[in-house]
Amino acid sequence: MNPHPPVCDHLTFDATDNGDGTGTWEAMAGARTGDPLLNRIQAEMDAVVVWAGSQAPGPKGPPEEGGEWDADIGESFDAGWTTLTLTLTGPWAWGEHCIGCCRSSGGPGVA
């Protein structure tokens, strides 16, 4: 089953060309700790990872372990605020395709 591209109402990605044919795409979003918005942000991030995996150029994992692409969702806390960070890494054309297919229903969307 091939999932549909995710809707990204809370995520805007910044791309970095790593100079070796690969890239890094990062999105951060946050809310007050305990705010239900965090669940929606987490769901968007999870959907992006599933979409990226469905478009995978090869195995998931760090390059040093034979992976072609990878994804990491991190969480940090500061003064009652929770920030979630999604980082995708992989071949440049794959990442641009994956992020470029994300849709917005009126939120920040994808840069």
Protein backbone atom coordinates (compact mmCIF):
# COMPACT_ATOMS: atom_id res chain seq x y z
CA MET A 1 0.00 0.00 0.00
CA ASN A 2 1.30 3.42 -0.97
CA PRO A 3 0.11 6.17 1.37
CA HIS A 4 -0.99 9.56 0.08
CA PRO A 5 1.35 12.53 0.58
CA PRO A 6 0.78 13.97 4.04
CA VAL A 7 -0.94 17.24 4.85
CA CYS A 8 1.49 19.50 6.69
CA ASP A 9 -0.37 22.24 8.50
CA HIS A 10 2.22 22.67 11.25
CA LEU A 11 5.49 21.83 9.52
CA THR A 12 7.74 23.92 7.32
CA PHE A 13 10.93 22.21 6.16
CA ASP A 14 14.34 23.77 5.72
CA ALA A 15 16.59 21.94 3.26
CA THR A 16 20.37 21.67 3.41
CA ASP A 17 22.39 20.36 0.47
CA ASN A 18 25.13 18.24 2.01
CA GLY A 19 27.28 18.64 -1.11
CA ASP A 20 27.61 14.92 -1.84
CA GLY A 21 24.30 14.26 -3.58
CA THR A 22 22.47 13.99 -0.27
CA GLY A 23 20.44 16.43 1.77
CA THR A 24 18.95 17.07 5.16
CA TRP A 25 15.38 18.33 5.64
CA GLU A 26 14.38 19.60 9.06
CA ALA A 27 11.10 20.85 10.49
CA MET A 28 10.43 22.10 14.02
CA ALA A 29 7.13 22.88 15.67
CA GLY A 30 6.10 23.32 19.25
CA ALA A 31 3.41 24.18 21.74
CA ARG A 32 2.89 24.47 25.46
CA THR A 33 3.56 21.16 27.18
CA GLY A 34 0.28 19.24 27.43
CA ASP A 35 -1.40 21.16 24.58
CA PRO A 36 -3.35 18.77 22.28
CA LEU A 37 -1.67 20.55 19.35
CA LEU A 38 1.45 18.49 20.12
CA ASN A 39 -0.47 15.32 19.18
CA ARG A 40 -1.37 16.83 15.80
CA ILE A 41 2.25 17.89 15.21
CA GLN A 42 3.46 14.39 16.13
CA ALA A 43 0.89 12.85 13.77
CA GLU A 44 2.08 15.08 10.90
CA MET A 45 5.68 14.09 11.57
CA ASP A 46 4.77 10.41 11.68
CA ALA A 47 2.85 10.76 8.40
CA VAL A 48 5.87 12.40 6.72
CA VAL A 49 8.11 9.52 7.86
CA VAL A 50 5.62 6.95 6.53
CA TRP A 51 5.37 8.84 3.22
CA ALA A 52 9.16 9.11 2.95
CA GLY A 53 9.46 5.39 3.65
CA SER A 54 6.94 4.58 0.93
CA GLN A 55 9.15 6.49 -1.51
CA ALA A 56 12.38 5.03 -0.09
CA PRO A 57 15.43 4.80 -2.32
CA GLY A 58 16.69 1.86 -0.28
CA PRO A 59 16.98 0.65 3.31
CA LYS A 60 16.33 3.02 6.22
CA GLY A 61 19.22 3.69 8.55
CA PRO A 62 22.46 5.60 8.90
CA PRO A 63 24.80 5.44 5.86
CA GLU A 64 27.54 3.83 7.95
CA GLU A 65 25.12 0.93 8.55
CA GLY A 66 24.12 0.61 4.88
CA GLY A 67 21.08 2.90 5.02
CA GLU A 68 20.05 5.03 2.05
CA TRP A 69 17.81 7.37 4.05
CA ASP A 70 16.96 8.04 7.67
CA ALA A 71 14.47 9.91 9.83
CA ASP A 72 14.61 11.10 13.40
CA ILE A 73 11.94 12.74 15.54
CA GLY A 74 13.30 14.51 18.59
CA GLU A 75 11.61 16.19 21.51
CA SER A 76 12.88 18.93 23.80
CA PHE A 77 11.36 20.72 26.77
CA ASP A 78 12.00 24.24 28.05
CA ALA A 79 10.00 26.41 30.44
CA GLY A 80 6.66 24.71 29.83
CA TRP A 81 7.18 24.47 26.08
CA THR A 82 7.66 21.27 24.05
CA THR A 83 9.43 21.38 20.69
CA LEU A 84 9.31 18.48 18.24
CA THR A 85 11.93 18.23 15.50
CA LEU A 86 11.80 16.00 12.42
CA THR A 87 15.02 15.41 10.49
CA LEU A 88 15.11 13.46 7.21
CA THR A 89 18.37 12.61 5.45
CA GLY A 90 18.96 10.90 2.13
CA PRO A 91 19.53 11.39 -1.57
CA TRP A 92 18.77 14.95 -2.68
CA ALA A 93 16.26 14.10 -5.43
CA TRP A 94 14.35 11.70 -3.13
CA GLY A 95 14.09 14.23 -0.30
CA GLU A 96 13.02 17.06 -2.56
CA HIS A 97 10.35 14.80 -4.05
CA CYS A 98 9.08 13.64 -0.65
CA ILE A 99 8.90 17.11 0.88
CA GLY A 100 7.63 18.66 -2.34
CA CYS A 101 4.64 16.29 -2.36
CA CYS A 102 3.51 17.33 1.12
CA ARG A 103 0.36 19.41 1.01
CA SER A 104 -1.00 22.18 3.17
CA SER A 105 -4.64 22.74 4.00
CA GLY A 106 -4.00 26.36 4.89
CA GLY A 107 -1.29 26.11 7.55
CA PRO A 108 2.39 26.99 7.25
CA GLY A 109 2.91 24.18 4.72
CA VAL A 110 6.20 23.29 3.17
CA ALA A 111 8.88 25.79 2.15
